[in-house]
């Protein structure tokens, strides 16, 4: 499971403990997933 690193940093939660297995991600990684999944993500 990944969490948006930029979003977490902007809200000051990037240094707080996370649930086991959750890692901070990057926009570059998110862009790669979006291209590879061939689906449209919605928020």
N, C-alpha and C. Protein backbone atom coordinates (compact mmCIF):
# COMPACT_ATOMS: atom_id res chain seq x y z
N UNK A 1 0.85 -1.15 0.00
CA UNK A 1 0.00 0.00 0.00
C UNK A 1 0.90 1.22 0.00
N UNK A 2 0.54 2.18 -0.81
CA UNK A 2 1.32 3.41 -0.91
C UNK A 2 0.44 4.60 -0.53
N UNK A 3 1.08 5.60 0.01
CA UNK A 3 0.42 6.85 0.37
C UNK A 3 1.15 7.98 -0.34
N UNK A 4 0.44 8.99 -0.76
CA UNK A 4 1.05 10.11 -1.48
C UNK A 4 2.01 10.85 -0.56
N UNK A 5 3.29 10.81 -0.91
CA UNK A 5 4.30 11.46 -0.10
C UNK A 5 4.14 12.97 -0.07
N UNK A 6 3.85 13.57 -1.22
CA UNK A 6 3.67 15.02 -1.28
C UNK A 6 2.48 15.48 -0.46
N UNK A 7 1.40 14.75 -0.55
CA UNK A 7 0.19 15.09 0.23
C UNK A 7 0.45 14.93 1.73
N UNK A 8 1.14 13.86 2.08
CA UNK A 8 1.45 13.61 3.48
C UNK A 8 2.37 14.69 4.05
N UNK A 9 3.37 15.08 3.26
CA UNK A 9 4.30 16.12 3.69
C UNK A 9 3.59 17.46 3.84
N UNK A 10 2.73 17.80 2.90
CA UNK A 10 2.02 19.08 2.94
C UNK A 10 1.13 19.20 4.16
N UNK A 11 0.64 18.07 4.66
CA UNK A 11 -0.25 18.07 5.82
C UNK A 11 0.47 17.77 7.12
N UNK A 12 1.79 17.59 7.03
CA UNK A 12 2.59 17.36 8.22
C UNK A 12 2.44 15.99 8.84
N UNK A 13 1.96 15.01 8.08
CA UNK A 13 1.78 13.67 8.62
C UNK A 13 2.83 12.69 8.10
N UNK A 14 3.79 13.19 7.33
CA UNK A 14 4.80 12.31 6.74
C UNK A 14 5.74 11.71 7.77
N UNK A 15 5.87 12.33 8.92
CA UNK A 15 6.77 11.82 9.96
C UNK A 15 6.04 11.01 11.03
N UNK A 16 4.72 10.94 10.94
CA UNK A 16 3.94 10.17 11.91
C UNK A 16 4.02 8.68 11.57
N UNK A 17 3.83 7.83 12.58
CA UNK A 17 3.83 6.38 12.30
C UNK A 17 2.70 6.02 11.34
N UNK A 18 2.97 5.06 10.46
CA UNK A 18 1.98 4.58 9.52
C UNK A 18 1.62 3.13 9.83
N UNK A 19 0.51 2.68 9.31
CA UNK A 19 0.11 1.28 9.43
C UNK A 19 1.20 0.44 8.79
N UNK A 20 1.51 -0.71 9.38
CA UNK A 20 2.53 -1.60 8.83
C UNK A 20 2.28 -1.86 7.35
N UNK A 21 3.33 -1.72 6.56
CA UNK A 21 3.25 -1.99 5.13
C UNK A 21 2.96 -0.77 4.27
N UNK A 22 2.54 0.34 4.87
CA UNK A 22 2.25 1.54 4.09
C UNK A 22 3.54 2.32 3.89
N UNK A 23 3.82 2.67 2.64
CA UNK A 23 5.03 3.43 2.30
C UNK A 23 4.63 4.70 1.59
N UNK A 24 5.45 5.74 1.75
CA UNK A 24 5.21 6.98 1.03
C UNK A 24 5.65 6.81 -0.41
N UNK A 25 4.88 7.38 -1.32
CA UNK A 25 5.14 7.26 -2.75
C UNK A 25 5.45 8.64 -3.33
N UNK A 26 5.72 8.67 -4.63
CA UNK A 26 6.01 9.92 -5.32
C UNK A 26 5.03 10.10 -6.48
N UNK A 27 4.96 11.31 -6.99
CA UNK A 27 4.10 11.55 -8.16
C UNK A 27 4.63 10.80 -9.38
N UNK A 28 5.93 10.65 -9.48
CA UNK A 28 6.51 9.89 -10.60
C UNK A 28 6.02 8.44 -10.55
N UNK A 29 6.03 7.85 -9.37
CA UNK A 29 5.56 6.47 -9.23
C UNK A 29 4.06 6.39 -9.55
N UNK A 30 3.28 7.35 -9.07
CA UNK A 30 1.85 7.38 -9.36
C UNK A 30 1.59 7.48 -10.86
N UNK A 31 2.35 8.33 -11.54
CA UNK A 31 2.20 8.47 -12.99
C UNK A 31 2.50 7.16 -13.70
N UNK A 32 3.53 6.46 -13.26
CA UNK A 32 3.88 5.17 -13.85
C UNK A 32 2.74 4.17 -13.65
N UNK A 33 2.18 4.11 -12.45
CA UNK A 33 1.05 3.20 -12.21
C UNK A 33 -0.13 3.52 -13.10
N UNK A 34 -0.41 4.83 -13.27
CA UNK A 34 -1.55 5.26 -14.08
C UNK A 34 -1.39 4.79 -15.52
N UNK A 35 -0.20 4.94 -16.08
CA UNK A 35 0.05 4.50 -17.45
C UNK A 35 -0.05 2.97 -17.55
N UNK A 36 0.53 2.28 -16.59
CA UNK A 36 0.56 0.82 -16.63
C UNK A 36 -0.80 0.16 -16.40
N UNK A 37 -1.67 0.80 -15.63
CA UNK A 37 -2.93 0.15 -15.29
C UNK A 37 -3.96 0.23 -16.40
N UNK A 38 -3.80 1.15 -17.33
CA UNK A 38 -4.70 1.30 -18.47
C UNK A 38 -6.15 1.53 -18.05
N UNK A 39 -6.32 2.18 -16.91
CA UNK A 39 -7.65 2.54 -16.42
C UNK A 39 -7.60 4.01 -15.99
N UNK A 40 -8.74 4.58 -15.75
CA UNK A 40 -8.79 5.98 -15.35
C UNK A 40 -9.02 6.06 -13.84
N UNK A 41 -8.06 6.56 -13.08
CA UNK A 41 -8.28 6.70 -11.64
C UNK A 41 -9.17 7.92 -11.35
N UNK A 42 -9.99 7.81 -10.34
CA UNK A 42 -10.81 8.93 -9.91
C UNK A 42 -10.58 9.18 -8.43
N UNK A 43 -10.78 10.40 -8.04
CA UNK A 43 -10.55 10.77 -6.64
C UNK A 43 -11.81 11.35 -6.05
